[in-house]
Amino acid sequence: MLEQLLRFRECEHQGDLDAYARDVSRCGGIIIARELDAAAEKVYLTVTFSSISDREAFWEKFKQTDSAPFCS
């Protein structure tokens, strides 16, 4: 398993976190941890992938989501 931490900005409430997590999941990321820092408007998602090719496929799909511009 490959693990990666995704950082998102412009996250003001649980609804934003849910939207980001939904896009990550739909693109093939398996979320194992979620952390919301509402005061800083940031969210952190720890994601795992079964292989490097799964991670690459995730990024190709994820780049096309509305959440991608907020991820660094």
Protein backbone atom coordinates (compact mmCIF):
# COMPACT_ATOMS: atom_id res chain seq x y z
CA MET A 1 0.00 0.00 0.00
CA LEU A 2 1.15 3.51 -0.85
CA GLU A 3 0.13 6.31 1.49
CA GLN A 4 -0.15 10.00 0.59
CA LEU A 5 -1.25 13.09 2.51
CA LEU A 6 -3.46 15.46 0.51
CA ARG A 7 -3.76 19.05 1.73
CA PHE A 8 -6.71 21.23 0.76
CA ARG A 9 -7.24 24.95 1.31
CA GLU A 10 -10.51 26.91 1.31
CA CYS A 11 -12.17 24.42 3.63
CA GLU A 12 -14.45 26.34 5.97
CA HIS A 13 -16.81 23.61 7.20
CA GLN A 14 -17.67 19.92 7.19
CA GLY A 15 -19.52 20.28 3.87
CA ASP A 16 -16.31 21.33 2.12
CA LEU A 17 -14.46 18.41 3.67
CA ASP A 18 -17.16 16.01 2.51
CA ALA A 19 -16.99 17.37 -1.06
CA TYR A 20 -13.21 16.97 -1.22
CA ALA A 21 -13.40 13.47 0.28
CA ARG A 22 -16.14 12.48 -2.17
CA ASP A 23 -14.01 13.51 -5.17
CA VAL A 24 -10.97 11.68 -3.77
CA SER A 25 -13.00 8.50 -3.23
CA ARG A 26 -14.69 8.66 -6.64
CA CYS A 27 -11.27 8.88 -8.27
CA GLY A 28 -10.00 5.76 -6.51
CA GLY A 29 -8.31 7.07 -3.36
CA ILE A 30 -8.96 5.11 -0.17
CA ILE A 31 -9.25 7.62 2.67
CA ILE A 32 -7.86 6.34 5.96
CA ALA A 33 -7.82 9.62 7.92
CA ARG A 34 -9.54 13.03 7.75
CA GLU A 35 -8.62 16.18 9.64
CA LEU A 36 -10.39 19.54 9.43
CA ASP A 37 -8.78 22.75 10.70
CA ALA A 38 -11.71 25.13 10.26
CA ALA A 39 -9.85 28.10 11.79
CA ALA A 40 -7.09 27.79 9.18
CA GLU A 41 -9.59 26.71 6.49
CA LYS A 42 -7.53 23.60 5.71
CA VAL A 43 -8.26 19.90 5.52
CA TYR A 44 -5.90 16.95 5.40
CA LEU A 45 -6.84 13.60 3.89
CA THR A 46 -4.55 10.62 4.28
CA VAL A 47 -5.11 8.35 1.30
CA THR A 48 -3.79 4.93 0.32
CA PHE A 49 -3.38 3.26 -3.03
CA SER A 50 -2.77 -0.41 -3.84
CA SER A 51 -0.03 0.32 -6.37
CA ILE A 52 1.85 3.06 -8.18
CA SER A 53 -0.36 2.56 -11.23
CA ASP A 54 -3.48 3.05 -9.05
CA ARG A 55 -2.00 6.27 -7.70
CA GLU A 56 -1.20 7.50 -11.21
CA ALA A 57 -4.73 6.66 -12.39
CA PHE A 58 -6.12 8.53 -9.38
CA TRP A 59 -4.22 11.71 -10.24
CA GLU A 60 -5.35 11.60 -13.87
CA LYS A 61 -9.00 11.41 -12.76
CA PHE A 62 -8.63 13.78 -9.82
CA LYS A 63 -7.16 16.58 -11.97
CA GLN A 64 -10.56 16.81 -13.67
CA THR A 65 -12.55 17.38 -10.45
CA ASP A 66 -13.74 20.63 -8.90
CA SER A 67 -11.62 19.81 -5.82
CA ALA A 68 -8.29 19.60 -7.65
CA PRO A 69 -7.56 23.37 -7.70
CA PHE A 70 -7.75 23.42 -3.88
CA CYS A 71 -5.29 20.55 -3.38
CA SER A 72 -1.58 21.10 -2.93
